[in-house]
Amino acid sequence: MEERHVIITYRLDRPTIQELCAQLEPDLMSAIRHPTGIPPQVQVLSVLHFLASGSLQTTVAIASGMSQPIFSNVLYRVLSALLKHMRSYIVFPQVEDLPTVKGDFYALGHIPNIIGAIDGTHVALVPPRRSEPVYRNQKSYHSMNVQMVCLADQYISHVNAKFPGSVHDAYILRNSSIPYVMGQLQRHWVRLLGDSGYTNLSWLLTPVRNPRTRAEERFNEAHGQTRRIIEQTIGLLKTRFRYLHMTGGSLFYTPKKVCQIIVACCMLHNLALRRQVPFLRKDGPDGGLVAAVDPVDSEDKEAEEEDIDNRNTVILQYFQ
């Protein structure tokens, strides 16, 4: 295959695929001890094609020279092997990274001390029959509500895919590791940016709901310009791995397996970024393409009291 066709089919280039195969091979070798076993390289390639194309298991299995039941086992093995390395693929900024991360975000909209943009997005699935209402989101389809934080270069630094579609973004945030992590970094005066679905906190800046001054308007403009990076990141992720996009239909897996697929796609997205693999489609390069994103911009009825003073301090110091 030509290198361009490799990237279009698998979303990674040849050297990166070889590196990934070498990393996962120890966990996949047991599968080839059986006379009908599938070599590790074929297992990895078939799963990459599956996630990239959004095709049915049967279609990918036939293209990979295996039956659908065998591919189902291959998908389980590759996901399990990949997720063992999650902490080396999805990493929140460390103290030594903060100056660079803050500088990159400041260049986007001139808001100081930002180390991440946060948002939720929905990935459609066929819900468990007994708990169907829990997975119905505000747009009346069933999904997992996925919380993500990204850096200014679209690297995903945090993902939480455990909650069903009916759960609000702000609730997911309160029950994730982010409050603890940001609390540990508070002495460095760092913040995240979130939309109006979140509560304004000492470490989370949201836009002013009803701006009354020109300074508040300028802050909102800078906030929107900077926070747009998370929408672009989610769009690129869903376009790079079509299995997460609504055009691929609802995922016919258990919520646990859907969570694994989402996290695996985030890991592969970061791998592609770090290895500088261009995003190519059949109609040409399309880096930064924004696909359909499903943010939920609604107030949280259970939200704690907002830290308005924190936001006002930023507005007075930098946007007057």
Protein backbone atom coordinates (compact mmCIF):
# COMPACT_ATOMS: atom_id res chain seq x y z
CA MET A 1 0.00 0.00 0.00
CA GLU A 2 1.09 3.56 -0.66
CA GLU A 3 1.77 5.53 2.53
CA ARG A 4 -1.16 7.86 1.83
CA HIS A 5 -3.52 4.88 1.54
CA VAL A 6 -2.13 3.42 4.76
CA ILE A 7 -2.98 6.64 6.65
CA ILE A 8 -6.46 6.86 5.10
CA THR A 9 -7.24 3.24 6.00
CA TYR A 10 -5.70 3.00 9.47
CA ARG A 11 -5.29 6.68 10.56
CA LEU A 12 -1.64 5.99 11.42
CA ASP A 13 1.42 5.85 9.20
CA ARG A 14 3.49 2.72 8.67
CA PRO A 15 6.26 3.42 11.25
CA THR A 16 3.69 4.28 13.94
CA ILE A 17 1.70 1.12 13.22
CA GLN A 18 4.87 -0.96 13.47
CA GLU A 19 5.70 0.69 16.80
CA LEU A 20 2.18 0.02 18.08
CA CYS A 21 2.31 -3.62 16.98
CA ALA A 22 5.64 -4.09 18.78
CA GLN A 23 4.20 -2.61 21.97
CA LEU A 24 1.07 -4.77 21.94
CA GLU A 25 2.66 -7.96 20.61
CA PRO A 26 3.47 -9.55 24.01
CA ASP A 27 -0.22 -9.43 24.96
CA LEU A 28 -1.39 -10.62 21.54
CA MET A 29 1.11 -13.45 20.98
CA SER A 30 -0.99 -15.96 22.93
CA ALA A 31 -3.60 -15.75 20.20
CA ILE A 32 -1.31 -17.31 17.56
CA ARG A 33 -0.51 -20.48 19.52
CA HIS A 34 -3.70 -22.00 18.17
CA PRO A 35 -3.40 -23.40 14.61
CA THR A 36 -6.02 -20.92 13.42
CA GLY A 37 -4.58 -18.01 15.40
CA ILE A 38 -4.32 -14.50 13.92
CA PRO A 39 -0.84 -12.84 13.86
CA PRO A 40 -0.58 -9.76 16.12
CA GLN A 41 -0.01 -7.43 13.16
CA VAL A 42 -3.24 -8.57 11.52
CA GLN A 43 -5.13 -8.15 14.80
CA VAL A 44 -3.92 -4.57 15.22
CA LEU A 45 -4.54 -3.61 11.59
CA SER A 46 -8.06 -5.03 11.58
CA VAL A 47 -9.03 -3.12 14.75
CA LEU A 48 -7.49 0.14 13.46
CA HIS A 49 -9.48 -0.22 10.23
CA PHE A 50 -12.62 -1.00 12.22
CA LEU A 51 -12.31 2.15 14.38
CA ALA A 52 -11.30 4.37 11.47
CA SER A 53 -13.99 3.30 9.03
CA GLY A 54 -16.99 2.89 11.30
CA SER A 55 -17.88 -0.27 9.34
CA LEU A 56 -19.71 -3.27 10.69
CA GLN A 57 -17.70 -6.06 12.32
CA THR A 58 -18.67 -8.45 9.51
CA THR A 59 -17.38 -6.11 6.81
CA VAL A 60 -14.02 -5.56 8.52
CA ALA A 61 -13.70 -9.26 9.34
CA ILE A 62 -14.16 -10.25 5.70
CA ALA A 63 -11.64 -7.62 4.57
CA SER A 64 -9.18 -8.98 7.16
CA GLY A 65 -9.68 -12.63 6.19
CA MET A 66 -11.43 -13.82 9.33
CA SER A 67 -14.94 -14.62 10.54
CA GLN A 68 -17.04 -12.17 12.52
CA PRO A 69 -16.83 -14.20 15.79
CA ILE A 70 -13.04 -14.34 15.49
CA PHE A 71 -12.87 -10.58 14.83
CA SER A 72 -15.04 -10.00 17.91
CA ASN A 73 -12.42 -11.82 19.99
CA VAL A 74 -9.63 -9.92 18.25
CA LEU A 75 -11.30 -6.60 19.08
CA TYR A 76 -11.52 -7.60 22.75
CA ARG A 77 -7.85 -8.64 22.86
CA VAL A 78 -6.51 -5.54 21.11
CA LEU A 79 -8.57 -3.15 23.24
CA SER A 80 -7.46 -4.94 26.42
CA ALA A 81 -3.80 -4.80 25.36
CA LEU A 82 -4.01 -1.14 24.35
CA LEU A 83 -5.78 0.03 27.50
CA LYS A 84 -2.97 -1.37 29.65
CA HIS A 85 -0.89 1.55 28.35
CA MET A 86 -3.53 4.26 28.84
CA ARG A 87 -1.53 6.24 31.41
CA SER A 88 1.34 6.68 28.99
CA TYR A 89 -0.94 7.86 26.17
CA ILE A 90 -3.33 10.20 28.03
CA VAL A 91 -1.38 12.40 30.43
CA PHE A 92 -2.52 15.52 32.29
CA PRO A 93 0.05 18.35 32.31
CA GLN A 94 2.69 17.94 34.98
CA VAL A 95 4.21 20.83 36.96
CA GLU A 96 7.22 21.02 34.66
CA ASP A 97 4.90 21.28 31.64
CA LEU A 98 2.80 24.18 32.95
CA PRO A 99 4.78 27.14 31.52
CA THR A 100 4.66 25.71 27.99
CA VAL A 101 1.00 24.67 28.22
CA LYS A 102 -0.05 28.07 29.58
CA GLY A 103 1.91 29.84 26.86
CA ASP A 104 0.23 27.80 24.13
CA PHE A 105 -3.25 28.61 25.46
CA TYR A 106 -2.41 32.29 25.96
CA ALA A 107 -1.54 32.51 22.27
CA LEU A 108 -5.08 31.40 21.38
CA GLY A 109 -7.07 34.10 23.19
CA HIS A 110 -4.78 35.93 25.65
CA ILE A 111 -6.36 34.46 28.79
CA PRO A 112 -3.57 33.73 31.31
CA ASN A 113 -2.86 30.54 33.27
CA ILE A 114 -5.07 28.19 31.21
CA ILE A 115 -3.91 24.56 31.04
CA GLY A 116 -6.91 22.91 29.43
CA ALA A 117 -10.32 23.28 27.79
CA ILE A 118 -13.09 20.96 28.97
CA ASP A 119 -16.33 19.81 27.38
CA GLY A 120 -18.66 16.85 27.08
CA THR A 121 -19.67 15.02 23.92
CA HIS A 122 -22.11 12.21 23.27
CA VAL A 123 -21.33 8.87 21.64
CA ALA A 124 -24.46 7.00 20.55
CA LEU A 125 -25.10 3.43 21.65
CA VAL A 126 -27.92 0.89 21.86
CA PRO A 127 -28.83 1.01 25.58
CA PRO A 128 -29.32 -1.92 27.94
CA ARG A 129 -33.01 -2.72 27.93
CA ARG A 130 -33.45 -2.53 31.70
CA SER A 131 -31.89 0.92 32.06
CA GLU A 132 -32.89 2.52 28.75
CA PRO A 133 -34.07 5.88 30.22
CA VAL A 134 -30.72 6.50 31.91
CA TYR A 135 -28.96 6.56 28.54
CA ARG A 136 -31.42 8.93 26.81
CA ASN A 137 -29.78 12.36 26.53
CA GLN A 138 -31.28 15.82 26.10
CA LYS A 139 -31.40 15.35 22.33
CA SER A 140 -33.57 12.23 22.77
CA TYR A 141 -31.11 9.58 21.60
CA HIS A 142 -29.17 7.08 23.70
CA SER A 143 -25.51 7.73 24.41
CA MET A 144 -22.56 7.82 26.73
CA ASN A 145 -21.70 11.37 27.86
CA VAL A 146 -17.92 11.67 27.54
CA GLN A 147 -15.92 14.32 29.40
CA MET A 148 -12.70 15.45 27.73
CA VAL A 149 -9.95 17.96 28.45
CA CYS A 150 -7.55 18.98 25.70
CA LEU A 151 -4.41 21.06 25.30
CA ALA A 152 -3.91 23.87 22.80
CA ASP A 153 -2.45 21.42 20.25
CA GLN A 154 -5.58 19.18 20.41
CA TYR A 155 -3.85 16.56 22.58
CA ILE A 156 -6.43 14.89 24.86
CA SER A 157 -5.11 15.16 28.42
CA HIS A 158 -8.13 13.62 30.19
CA VAL A 159 -11.12 11.47 29.24
CA ASN A 160 -13.97 10.12 31.37
CA ALA A 161 -16.38 7.87 29.46
CA LYS A 162 -18.18 6.16 32.36
CA PHE A 163 -21.45 8.12 32.51
CA PRO A 164 -24.68 7.61 30.53
CA GLY A 165 -26.19 10.28 28.30
CA SER A 166 -28.74 11.62 30.79
CA VAL A 167 -26.04 12.72 33.23
CA HIS A 168 -25.15 16.42 33.12
CA ASP A 169 -21.65 17.64 32.26
CA ALA A 170 -21.27 19.44 35.60
CA TYR A 171 -22.15 16.28 37.55
CA ILE A 172 -19.57 14.27 35.60
CA LEU A 173 -16.95 16.90 36.36
CA ARG A 174 -17.66 16.82 40.10
CA ASN A 175 -17.39 13.03 40.11
CA SER A 176 -14.21 12.80 38.05
CA SER A 177 -10.55 13.11 39.01
CA ILE A 178 -10.33 16.68 37.69
CA PRO A 179 -11.30 18.53 40.92
CA TYR A 180 -8.61 16.64 42.83
CA VAL A 181 -5.96 17.15 40.16
CA MET A 182 -6.71 20.86 39.81
CA GLY A 183 -6.74 21.20 43.59
CA GLN A 184 -3.22 19.80 43.70
CA LEU A 185 -2.14 22.42 41.13
CA GLN A 186 -3.87 25.42 42.72
CA ARG A 187 -0.66 26.88 44.12
CA HIS A 188 0.37 27.39 40.49
CA TRP A 189 -2.78 29.48 39.80
CA VAL A 190 -3.84 27.40 36.82
CA ARG A 191 -7.34 27.08 35.37
CA LEU A 192 -9.47 25.23 32.87
CA LEU A 193 -11.97 26.77 30.45
CA GLY A 194 -15.51 25.42 30.27
CA ASP A 195 -18.79 26.46 28.68
CA SER A 196 -21.91 27.73 30.46
CA GLY A 197 -22.95 24.17 31.31
CA TYR A 198 -20.34 24.24 34.09
CA THR A 199 -20.10 26.19 37.31
CA ASN A 200 -17.52 28.97 37.51
CA LEU A 201 -14.92 27.86 40.10
CA SER A 202 -11.53 29.04 41.32
CA TRP A 203 -9.91 26.66 38.79
CA LEU A 204 -12.60 26.73 36.07
CA LEU A 205 -13.52 29.81 34.05
CA THR A 206 -16.89 29.96 32.30
CA PRO A 207 -18.27 32.80 30.16
CA VAL A 208 -20.29 35.65 31.66
CA ARG A 209 -23.94 34.73 31.04
CA ASN A 210 -25.22 38.29 30.64
CA PRO A 211 -22.25 40.61 29.92
CA ARG A 212 -22.94 44.21 30.89
CA THR A 213 -19.62 45.89 30.21
CA ARG A 214 -17.25 46.00 27.28
CA ALA A 215 -14.62 44.24 29.42
CA GLU A 216 -17.01 41.33 30.03
CA GLU A 217 -17.76 41.18 26.30
CA ARG A 218 -14.05 41.10 25.49
CA PHE A 219 -13.56 38.33 28.05
CA ASN A 220 -16.38 36.28 26.49
CA GLU A 221 -14.88 36.76 23.03
CA ALA A 222 -11.46 35.61 24.24
CA HIS A 223 -13.06 32.74 26.16
CA GLY A 224 -14.94 31.51 23.10
CA GLN A 225 -11.90 31.87 20.87
CA THR A 226 -9.77 29.83 23.27
CA ARG A 227 -12.37 27.22 24.24
CA ARG A 228 -13.08 26.48 20.58
CA ILE A 229 -10.05 24.19 20.64
CA ILE A 230 -11.94 21.50 22.59
CA GLU A 231 -14.77 21.51 20.03
CA GLN A 232 -12.21 21.19 17.23
CA THR A 233 -10.47 18.37 19.11
CA ILE A 234 -13.69 16.41 19.59
CA GLY A 235 -14.59 17.00 15.96
CA LEU A 236 -11.21 15.78 14.76
CA LEU A 237 -11.39 12.72 17.03
CA LYS A 238 -14.82 11.73 15.70
CA THR A 239 -13.79 12.34 12.12
CA ARG A 240 -10.53 10.46 12.46
CA PHE A 241 -12.30 7.50 14.09
CA ARG A 242 -15.69 7.32 12.41
CA TYR A 243 -16.89 4.67 14.82
CA LEU A 244 -17.49 7.43 17.38
CA HIS A 245 -19.47 9.60 14.96
CA MET A 246 -23.25 9.57 14.63
CA THR A 247 -22.94 8.72 10.92
CA GLY A 248 -21.60 5.33 12.00
CA GLY A 249 -24.86 4.65 13.83
CA SER A 250 -25.31 3.57 17.44
CA LEU A 251 -22.71 1.24 18.92
CA PHE A 252 -24.06 -2.29 19.46
CA TYR A 253 -21.94 -2.97 22.54
CA THR A 254 -22.32 -2.93 26.28
CA PRO A 255 -21.65 0.46 27.91
CA LYS A 256 -18.39 -0.96 29.31
CA LYS A 257 -17.17 -1.95 25.83
CA VAL A 258 -18.25 1.44 24.41
CA CYS A 259 -16.20 3.12 27.14
CA GLN A 260 -13.18 1.02 26.16
CA ILE A 261 -13.58 1.92 22.49
CA ILE A 262 -13.84 5.64 23.29
CA VAL A 263 -10.71 5.63 25.46
CA ALA A 264 -8.80 3.57 22.88
CA CYS A 265 -9.69 6.08 20.15
CA CYS A 266 -8.48 8.95 22.37
CA MET A 267 -5.19 7.10 22.91
CA LEU A 268 -4.73 6.53 19.17
CA HIS A 269 -5.63 10.16 18.47
CA ASN A 270 -2.85 11.29 20.82
CA LEU A 271 -0.44 8.82 19.26
CA ALA A 272 -1.17 10.24 15.80
CA LEU A 273 -0.57 13.79 17.08
CA ARG A 274 2.67 12.96 18.86
CA ARG A 275 3.99 11.13 15.78
CA GLN A 276 2.77 14.00 13.56
CA VAL A 277 0.69 11.72 11.36
CA PRO A 278 -1.35 13.92 8.99
CA PHE A 279 -5.10 13.48 8.95
CA LEU A 280 -6.00 12.36 5.42
CA ARG A 281 -9.29 11.39 3.86
CA LYS A 282 -10.03 10.06 0.41
CA ASP A 283 -10.81 13.58 -0.81
CA GLY A 284 -7.55 15.04 0.48
CA PRO A 285 -5.88 16.41 3.64
CA ASP A 286 -8.27 17.81 6.20
CA GLY A 287 -6.34 18.52 9.38
CA GLY A 288 -8.41 20.33 11.97
CA LEU A 289 -11.72 19.41 10.34
CA VAL A 290 -14.60 19.88 12.75
CA ALA A 291 -17.29 17.23 12.59
CA ALA A 292 -20.58 17.13 14.44
CA VAL A 293 -20.08 17.82 18.14
CA ASP A 294 -22.78 17.53 20.76
CA PRO A 295 -22.06 20.00 23.57
CA VAL A 296 -24.80 20.52 26.15
CA ASP A 297 -25.06 24.20 27.03
CA SER A 298 -27.56 24.18 29.87
CA GLU A 299 -27.44 25.29 33.47
CA ASP A 300 -26.75 22.71 36.14
CA LYS A 301 -29.65 22.69 38.60
CA GLU A 302 -27.48 21.13 41.30
CA ALA A 303 -24.52 23.43 40.82
CA GLU A 304 -22.74 24.86 43.81
CA GLU A 305 -22.39 28.62 44.26
CA GLU A 306 -20.24 30.14 41.55
CA ASP A 307 -16.87 31.71 42.31
CA ILE A 308 -17.65 34.99 40.55
CA ASP A 309 -14.81 36.89 42.23
CA ASN A 310 -12.27 34.65 40.54
CA ARG A 311 -13.61 35.45 37.07
CA ASN A 312 -14.06 39.16 37.86
CA THR A 313 -10.41 39.36 38.89
CA VAL A 314 -9.34 38.01 35.52
CA ILE A 315 -11.66 40.41 33.67
CA LEU A 316 -10.46 43.47 35.61
CA GLN A 317 -6.78 42.61 35.26
CA TYR A 318 -6.69 41.59 31.60
CA PHE A 319 -9.79 42.81 29.73
CA GLN A 320 -10.50 46.36 30.96
